[in-house]
Amino acid sequence: MVAIVALLVTQVPAIWRPTHIFGLALLMPGAILLVIARIQLGNSFSLTPQATSLVTHGLYSRIRNPVYIFSFFVLAGLILYLDRPWFLAALLPILVLQVLRARREAVVLEQRFGDAYRQYRAHTWF
């Protein structure tokens, strides 16, 4: 997040175009929600799929993977803010990797929490 803030401060557009504004409109709420999601995840955060606890409160009461979703918005917003729309193509492989990662995590969580996870999954998105 520090690097993103540094880019925002050092790369202020001389002339604001719609892509800059739209990028900032994606980036700012995405970054806030990403930080909230990470805080709500607490000690359950890990780089590899692990099932230490089933987080179902806050943003996680509606979305199973808010960190992935909001990080996608942050990246898309940053790309547009920096006026590099051709970099949006790089988001496709990132999206595919995040979906695959979410699926691996779902398997681990279902193995660990069984019916509780299946019920949670039935009432949440992605």
N, C-alpha and C. Protein backbone atom coordinates (compact mmCIF):
# COMPACT_ATOMS: atom_id res chain seq x y z
N MET A 1 0.82 -1.19 0.00
CA MET A 1 0.00 0.00 0.00
C MET A 1 0.86 1.26 0.00
N VAL A 2 1.99 1.19 0.65
CA VAL A 2 2.89 2.35 0.69
C VAL A 2 3.37 2.67 -0.72
N ALA A 3 3.70 1.64 -1.49
CA ALA A 3 4.17 1.85 -2.86
C ALA A 3 3.07 2.47 -3.72
N ILE A 4 1.84 2.04 -3.51
CA ILE A 4 0.72 2.60 -4.28
C ILE A 4 0.52 4.07 -3.93
N VAL A 5 0.58 4.39 -2.66
CA VAL A 5 0.45 5.79 -2.24
C VAL A 5 1.59 6.61 -2.84
N ALA A 6 2.79 6.07 -2.83
CA ALA A 6 3.93 6.78 -3.42
C ALA A 6 3.70 7.04 -4.91
N LEU A 7 3.17 6.04 -5.62
CA LEU A 7 2.88 6.24 -7.04
C LEU A 7 1.80 7.30 -7.25
N LEU A 8 0.79 7.28 -6.41
CA LEU A 8 -0.28 8.27 -6.54
C LEU A 8 0.24 9.69 -6.33
N VAL A 9 1.14 9.83 -5.38
CA VAL A 9 1.67 11.15 -5.05
C VAL A 9 2.69 11.63 -6.09
N THR A 10 3.51 10.73 -6.57
CA THR A 10 4.57 11.14 -7.49
C THR A 10 4.13 11.17 -8.96
N GLN A 11 3.02 10.54 -9.27
CA GLN A 11 2.57 10.46 -10.66
C GLN A 11 1.24 11.20 -10.87
N VAL A 12 1.10 12.34 -10.26
CA VAL A 12 -0.13 13.13 -10.43
C VAL A 12 -0.20 13.61 -11.87
N PRO A 13 -1.31 13.33 -12.55
CA PRO A 13 -1.42 13.73 -13.96
C PRO A 13 -1.38 15.25 -14.12
N ALA A 14 -0.70 15.71 -15.15
CA ALA A 14 -0.69 17.14 -15.47
C ALA A 14 -2.06 17.56 -15.98
N ILE A 15 -2.65 16.71 -16.79
CA ILE A 15 -4.00 16.94 -17.32
C ILE A 15 -4.83 15.71 -16.94
N TRP A 16 -5.90 15.94 -16.20
CA TRP A 16 -6.75 14.84 -15.75
C TRP A 16 -7.70 14.42 -16.88
N ARG A 17 -7.56 13.16 -17.28
CA ARG A 17 -8.43 12.58 -18.30
C ARG A 17 -9.43 11.66 -17.61
N PRO A 18 -10.48 11.26 -18.32
CA PRO A 18 -11.45 10.35 -17.72
C PRO A 18 -10.82 9.04 -17.21
N THR A 19 -9.78 8.55 -17.88
CA THR A 19 -9.14 7.31 -17.40
C THR A 19 -8.48 7.52 -16.04
N HIS A 20 -7.90 8.69 -15.81
CA HIS A 20 -7.30 8.98 -14.51
C HIS A 20 -8.36 8.98 -13.42
N ILE A 21 -9.46 9.67 -13.70
CA ILE A 21 -10.54 9.79 -12.72
C ILE A 21 -11.17 8.42 -12.45
N PHE A 22 -11.45 7.67 -13.52
CA PHE A 22 -12.05 6.35 -13.35
C PHE A 22 -11.08 5.43 -12.60
N GLY A 23 -9.81 5.52 -12.92
CA GLY A 23 -8.81 4.72 -12.22
C GLY A 23 -8.78 5.02 -10.73
N LEU A 24 -8.81 6.29 -10.39
CA LEU A 24 -8.83 6.69 -8.98
C LEU A 24 -10.13 6.25 -8.31
N ALA A 25 -11.23 6.30 -9.07
CA ALA A 25 -12.52 5.87 -8.53
C ALA A 25 -12.56 4.36 -8.26
N LEU A 26 -11.79 3.59 -8.99
CA LEU A 26 -11.66 2.14 -8.72
C LEU A 26 -10.66 1.89 -7.60
N LEU A 27 -9.55 2.58 -7.67
CA LEU A 27 -8.44 2.34 -6.76
C LEU A 27 -8.75 2.70 -5.31
N MET A 28 -9.30 3.86 -5.07
CA MET A 28 -9.48 4.32 -3.69
C MET A 28 -10.44 3.45 -2.88
N PRO A 29 -11.68 3.22 -3.34
CA PRO A 29 -12.54 2.34 -2.54
C PRO A 29 -12.01 0.90 -2.51
N GLY A 30 -11.38 0.49 -3.61
CA GLY A 30 -10.78 -0.85 -3.64
C GLY A 30 -9.70 -1.00 -2.58
N ALA A 31 -8.86 0.01 -2.43
CA ALA A 31 -7.78 -0.03 -1.44
C ALA A 31 -8.34 -0.02 -0.01
N ILE A 32 -9.34 0.80 0.22
CA ILE A 32 -9.95 0.86 1.56
C ILE A 32 -10.58 -0.48 1.91
N LEU A 33 -11.34 -1.05 0.98
CA LEU A 33 -12.00 -2.34 1.23
C LEU A 33 -10.99 -3.47 1.33
N LEU A 34 -9.89 -3.37 0.59
CA LEU A 34 -8.83 -4.37 0.69
C LEU A 34 -8.21 -4.36 2.09
N VAL A 35 -7.93 -3.19 2.60
CA VAL A 35 -7.37 -3.08 3.95
C VAL A 35 -8.36 -3.61 4.99
N ILE A 36 -9.62 -3.25 4.83
CA ILE A 36 -10.64 -3.75 5.76
C ILE A 36 -10.71 -5.28 5.71
N ALA A 37 -10.73 -5.84 4.51
CA ALA A 37 -10.79 -7.30 4.35
C ALA A 37 -9.59 -7.97 5.00
N ARG A 38 -8.42 -7.39 4.80
CA ARG A 38 -7.20 -7.97 5.38
C ARG A 38 -7.25 -7.92 6.90
N ILE A 39 -7.73 -6.81 7.46
CA ILE A 39 -7.86 -6.69 8.91
C ILE A 39 -8.87 -7.71 9.44
N GLN A 40 -10.01 -7.84 8.75
CA GLN A 40 -11.03 -8.79 9.19
C GLN A 40 -10.54 -10.23 9.10
N LEU A 41 -9.66 -10.50 8.17
CA LEU A 41 -9.11 -11.85 8.04
C LEU A 41 -8.20 -12.19 9.21
N GLY A 42 -7.56 -11.18 9.77
CA GLY A 42 -6.73 -11.37 10.96
C GLY A 42 -5.65 -12.42 10.81
N ASN A 43 -5.52 -13.28 11.80
CA ASN A 43 -4.49 -14.32 11.80
C ASN A 43 -4.77 -15.45 10.83
N SER A 44 -5.92 -15.43 10.18
CA SER A 44 -6.25 -16.46 9.20
C SER A 44 -5.56 -16.22 7.86
N PHE A 45 -4.91 -15.06 7.72
CA PHE A 45 -4.20 -14.76 6.47
C PHE A 45 -2.99 -15.67 6.33
N SER A 46 -2.81 -16.20 5.12
CA SER A 46 -1.61 -16.98 4.82
C SER A 46 -1.38 -16.95 3.31
N LEU A 47 -0.16 -17.19 2.91
CA LEU A 47 0.16 -17.19 1.48
C LEU A 47 -0.23 -18.51 0.82
N THR A 48 -0.29 -19.56 1.60
CA THR A 48 -0.72 -20.86 1.09
C THR A 48 -2.05 -21.22 1.73
N PRO A 49 -2.87 -22.02 1.04
CA PRO A 49 -4.17 -22.38 1.62
C PRO A 49 -4.02 -23.13 2.94
N GLN A 50 -4.57 -22.54 3.98
CA GLN A 50 -4.58 -23.16 5.30
C GLN A 50 -5.95 -22.91 5.91
N ALA A 51 -6.37 -23.76 6.81
CA ALA A 51 -7.70 -23.64 7.40
C ALA A 51 -7.57 -23.49 8.91
N THR A 52 -7.10 -22.33 9.34
CA THR A 52 -6.95 -22.11 10.78
C THR A 52 -8.28 -21.73 11.42
N SER A 53 -9.09 -20.94 10.69
CA SER A 53 -10.43 -20.59 11.16
C SER A 53 -11.28 -20.20 9.95
N LEU A 54 -12.58 -20.27 10.13
CA LEU A 54 -13.51 -19.89 9.07
C LEU A 54 -14.01 -18.48 9.37
N VAL A 55 -13.55 -17.52 8.60
CA VAL A 55 -13.91 -16.12 8.81
C VAL A 55 -15.21 -15.84 8.05
N THR A 56 -16.26 -15.47 8.78
CA THR A 56 -17.57 -15.26 8.17
C THR A 56 -18.20 -13.93 8.56
N HIS A 57 -17.43 -13.03 9.14
CA HIS A 57 -17.97 -11.74 9.57
C HIS A 57 -17.49 -10.62 8.65
N GLY A 58 -18.13 -9.47 8.79
CA GLY A 58 -17.73 -8.30 8.00
C GLY A 58 -17.92 -8.53 6.51
N LEU A 59 -16.94 -8.14 5.73
CA LEU A 59 -17.01 -8.33 4.28
C LEU A 59 -17.14 -9.81 3.93
N TYR A 60 -16.58 -10.67 4.76
CA TYR A 60 -16.61 -12.10 4.52
C TYR A 60 -18.00 -12.70 4.71
N SER A 61 -18.94 -11.93 5.24
CA SER A 61 -20.30 -12.43 5.37
C SER A 61 -21.02 -12.41 4.02
N ARG A 62 -20.48 -11.67 3.08
CA ARG A 62 -21.08 -11.57 1.73
C ARG A 62 -20.18 -12.10 0.62
N ILE A 63 -18.87 -11.96 0.82
CA ILE A 63 -17.90 -12.34 -0.21
C ILE A 63 -16.86 -13.26 0.41
N ARG A 64 -16.63 -14.42 -0.20
CA ARG A 64 -15.67 -15.38 0.36
C ARG A 64 -14.22 -14.93 0.17
N ASN A 65 -13.95 -14.19 -0.88
CA ASN A 65 -12.57 -13.81 -1.20
C ASN A 65 -12.44 -12.30 -1.47
N PRO A 66 -12.79 -11.46 -0.50
CA PRO A 66 -12.73 -10.02 -0.78
C PRO A 66 -11.31 -9.51 -1.03
N VAL A 67 -10.31 -10.13 -0.46
CA VAL A 67 -8.93 -9.68 -0.71
C VAL A 67 -8.60 -9.80 -2.19
N TYR A 68 -9.00 -10.90 -2.81
CA TYR A 68 -8.74 -11.09 -4.24
C TYR A 68 -9.52 -10.08 -5.08
N ILE A 69 -10.77 -9.90 -4.76
CA ILE A 69 -11.62 -9.01 -5.54
C ILE A 69 -11.13 -7.57 -5.45
N PHE A 70 -10.87 -7.10 -4.23
CA PHE A 70 -10.50 -5.70 -4.08
C PHE A 70 -9.06 -5.44 -4.54
N SER A 71 -8.19 -6.42 -4.46
CA SER A 71 -6.84 -6.23 -5.01
C SER A 71 -6.91 -6.11 -6.53
N PHE A 72 -7.85 -6.81 -7.15
CA PHE A 72 -8.06 -6.68 -8.59
C PHE A 72 -8.49 -5.25 -8.93
N PHE A 73 -9.42 -4.68 -8.15
CA PHE A 73 -9.86 -3.31 -8.38
C PHE A 73 -8.71 -2.32 -8.17
N VAL A 74 -7.88 -2.57 -7.16
CA VAL A 74 -6.74 -1.69 -6.91
C VAL A 74 -5.79 -1.71 -8.10
N LEU A 75 -5.47 -2.90 -8.59
CA LEU A 75 -4.56 -3.00 -9.74
C LEU A 75 -5.15 -2.35 -10.99
N ALA A 76 -6.42 -2.64 -11.27
CA ALA A 76 -7.07 -2.03 -12.44
C ALA A 76 -7.10 -0.52 -12.31
N GLY A 77 -7.45 -0.03 -11.13
CA GLY A 77 -7.48 1.41 -10.91
C GLY A 77 -6.12 2.05 -11.05
N LEU A 78 -5.10 1.39 -10.53
CA LEU A 78 -3.74 1.92 -10.64
C LEU A 78 -3.29 1.99 -12.10
N ILE A 79 -3.59 0.96 -12.85
CA ILE A 79 -3.22 0.93 -14.27
C ILE A 79 -3.88 2.09 -15.01
N LEU A 80 -5.15 2.31 -14.73
CA LEU A 80 -5.85 3.41 -15.41
C LEU A 80 -5.37 4.77 -14.92
N TYR A 81 -5.15 4.90 -13.62
CA TYR A 81 -4.66 6.17 -13.06
C TYR A 81 -3.30 6.53 -13.67
N LEU A 82 -2.45 5.53 -13.86
CA LEU A 82 -1.13 5.78 -14.43
C LEU A 82 -1.19 5.92 -15.96
N ASP A 83 -2.41 5.84 -16.51
CA ASP A 83 -2.64 5.98 -17.95
C ASP A 83 -1.86 4.95 -18.77
N ARG A 84 -1.95 3.70 -18.32
CA ARG A 84 -1.31 2.58 -19.01
C ARG A 84 -2.36 1.51 -19.34
N PRO A 85 -3.42 1.88 -20.09
CA PRO A 85 -4.54 0.96 -20.29
C PRO A 85 -4.13 -0.36 -20.96
N TRP A 86 -3.04 -0.36 -21.73
CA TRP A 86 -2.61 -1.61 -22.36
C TRP A 86 -2.15 -2.63 -21.32
N PHE A 87 -1.81 -2.19 -20.11
CA PHE A 87 -1.44 -3.12 -19.04
C PHE A 87 -2.65 -3.89 -18.49
N LEU A 88 -3.86 -3.44 -18.86
CA LEU A 88 -5.05 -4.15 -18.40
C LEU A 88 -5.05 -5.60 -18.87
N ALA A 89 -4.38 -5.86 -19.98
CA ALA A 89 -4.27 -7.24 -20.48
C ALA A 89 -3.56 -8.14 -19.47
N ALA A 90 -2.68 -7.57 -18.67
CA ALA A 90 -1.97 -8.35 -17.64
C ALA A 90 -2.90 -8.80 -16.53
N LEU A 91 -4.07 -8.17 -16.42
CA LEU A 91 -5.00 -8.55 -15.37
C LEU A 91 -5.68 -9.89 -15.65
N LEU A 92 -5.76 -10.28 -16.91
CA LEU A 92 -6.41 -11.56 -17.23
C LEU A 92 -5.69 -12.74 -16.59
N PRO A 93 -4.38 -12.88 -16.76
CA PRO A 93 -3.71 -14.00 -16.07
C PRO A 93 -3.79 -13.89 -14.55
N ILE A 94 -3.78 -12.68 -14.04
CA ILE A 94 -3.90 -12.50 -12.59
C ILE A 94 -5.28 -12.97 -12.13
N LEU A 95 -6.30 -12.63 -12.91
CA LEU A 95 -7.66 -13.06 -12.59
C LEU A 95 -7.75 -14.59 -12.58
N VAL A 96 -7.20 -15.22 -13.58
CA VAL A 96 -7.22 -16.68 -13.66
C VAL A 96 -6.50 -17.29 -12.46
N LEU A 97 -5.34 -16.75 -12.11
CA LEU A 97 -4.59 -17.27 -10.96
C LEU A 97 -5.36 -17.08 -9.65
N GLN A 98 -6.05 -15.96 -9.51
CA GLN A 98 -6.82 -15.72 -8.28
C GLN A 98 -8.00 -16.68 -8.18
N VAL A 99 -8.66 -16.96 -9.30
CA VAL A 99 -9.77 -17.92 -9.29
C VAL A 99 -9.25 -19.31 -8.92
N LEU A 100 -8.13 -19.71 -9.50
CA LEU A 100 -7.54 -21.02 -9.17
C LEU A 100 -7.14 -21.08 -7.70
N ARG A 101 -6.57 -20.01 -7.21
CA ARG A 101 -6.17 -19.97 -5.80
C ARG A 101 -7.39 -20.06 -4.89
N ALA A 102 -8.45 -19.36 -5.24
CA ALA A 102 -9.68 -19.40 -4.45
C ALA A 102 -10.26 -20.81 -4.44
N ARG A 103 -10.19 -21.50 -5.55
CA ARG A 103 -10.69 -22.88 -5.61
C ARG A 103 -9.87 -23.81 -4.71
N ARG A 104 -8.55 -23.65 -4.72
CA ARG A 104 -7.70 -24.48 -3.84
C ARG A 104 -8.02 -24.20 -2.38
N GLU A 105 -8.21 -22.95 -2.06
CA GLU A 105 -8.56 -22.59 -0.68
C GLU A 105 -9.91 -23.19 -0.29
N ALA A 106 -10.86 -23.18 -1.22
CA ALA A 106 -12.19 -23.73 -0.95
C ALA A 106 -12.10 -25.21 -0.62
N VAL A 107 -11.24 -25.93 -1.32
CA VAL A 107 -11.07 -27.37 -1.05
C VAL A 107 -10.53 -27.58 0.36
N VAL A 108 -9.53 -26.81 0.73
CA VAL A 108 -8.94 -26.92 2.06
C VAL A 108 -9.96 -26.58 3.14
N LEU A 109 -10.70 -25.50 2.93
CA LEU A 109 -11.70 -25.09 3.91
C LEU A 109 -12.83 -26.11 4.03
N GLU A 110 -13.26 -26.67 2.90
CA GLU A 110 -14.32 -27.67 2.95
C GLU A 110 -13.86 -28.93 3.67
N GLN A 111 -12.62 -29.33 3.43
CA GLN A 111 -12.09 -30.50 4.14
C GLN A 111 -12.03 -30.26 5.64
N ARG A 112 -11.68 -29.07 6.05
CA ARG A 112 -11.50 -28.77 7.47
C ARG A 112 -12.81 -28.47 8.19
N PHE A 113 -13.71 -27.72 7.52
CA PHE A 113 -14.92 -27.25 8.19
C PHE A 113 -16.21 -27.92 7.71
N GLY A 114 -16.13 -28.72 6.66
CA GLY A 114 -17.26 -29.52 6.19
C GLY A 114 -18.53 -28.74 5.94
N ASP A 115 -19.62 -29.16 6.63
CA ASP A 115 -20.93 -28.56 6.41
C ASP A 115 -20.97 -27.07 6.74
N ALA A 116 -20.21 -26.65 7.73
CA ALA A 116 -20.19 -25.22 8.08
C ALA A 116 -19.68 -24.41 6.89
N TYR A 117 -18.65 -24.90 6.21
CA TYR A 117 -18.13 -24.18 5.05
C TYR A 117 -19.11 -24.25 3.88
N ARG A 118 -19.70 -25.42 3.66
CA ARG A 118 -20.66 -25.56 2.56
C ARG A 118 -21.85 -24.62 2.75
N GLN A 119 -22.32 -24.48 3.97
CA GLN A 119 -23.43 -23.57 4.25
C GLN A 119 -22.99 -22.12 4.03
N TYR A 120 -21.81 -21.78 4.50
CA TYR A 120 -21.25 -20.44 4.29
C TYR A 120 -21.12 -20.15 2.80
N ARG A 121 -20.60 -21.12 2.07
CA ARG A 121 -20.38 -20.96 0.63
C ARG A 121 -21.70 -20.75 -0.11
N ALA A 122 -22.76 -21.41 0.34
CA ALA A 122 -24.07 -21.28 -0.31
C ALA A 122 -24.66 -19.89 -0.16
N HIS A 123 -24.21 -19.14 0.84
CA HIS A 123 -24.79 -17.81 1.11
C HIS A 123 -23.85 -16.65 0.78
N THR A 124 -22.74 -16.95 0.12
CA THR A 124 -21.80 -15.88 -0.22
C THR A 124 -21.43 -15.96 -1.70
N TRP A 125 -20.84 -14.87 -2.18
CA TRP A 125 -20.41 -14.79 -3.57
C TRP A 125 -18.89 -14.94 -3.64
N PHE A 126 -18.40 -15.58 -4.68
CA PHE A 126 -16.98 -15.80 -4.96
C PHE A 126 -16.18 -15.97 -3.67
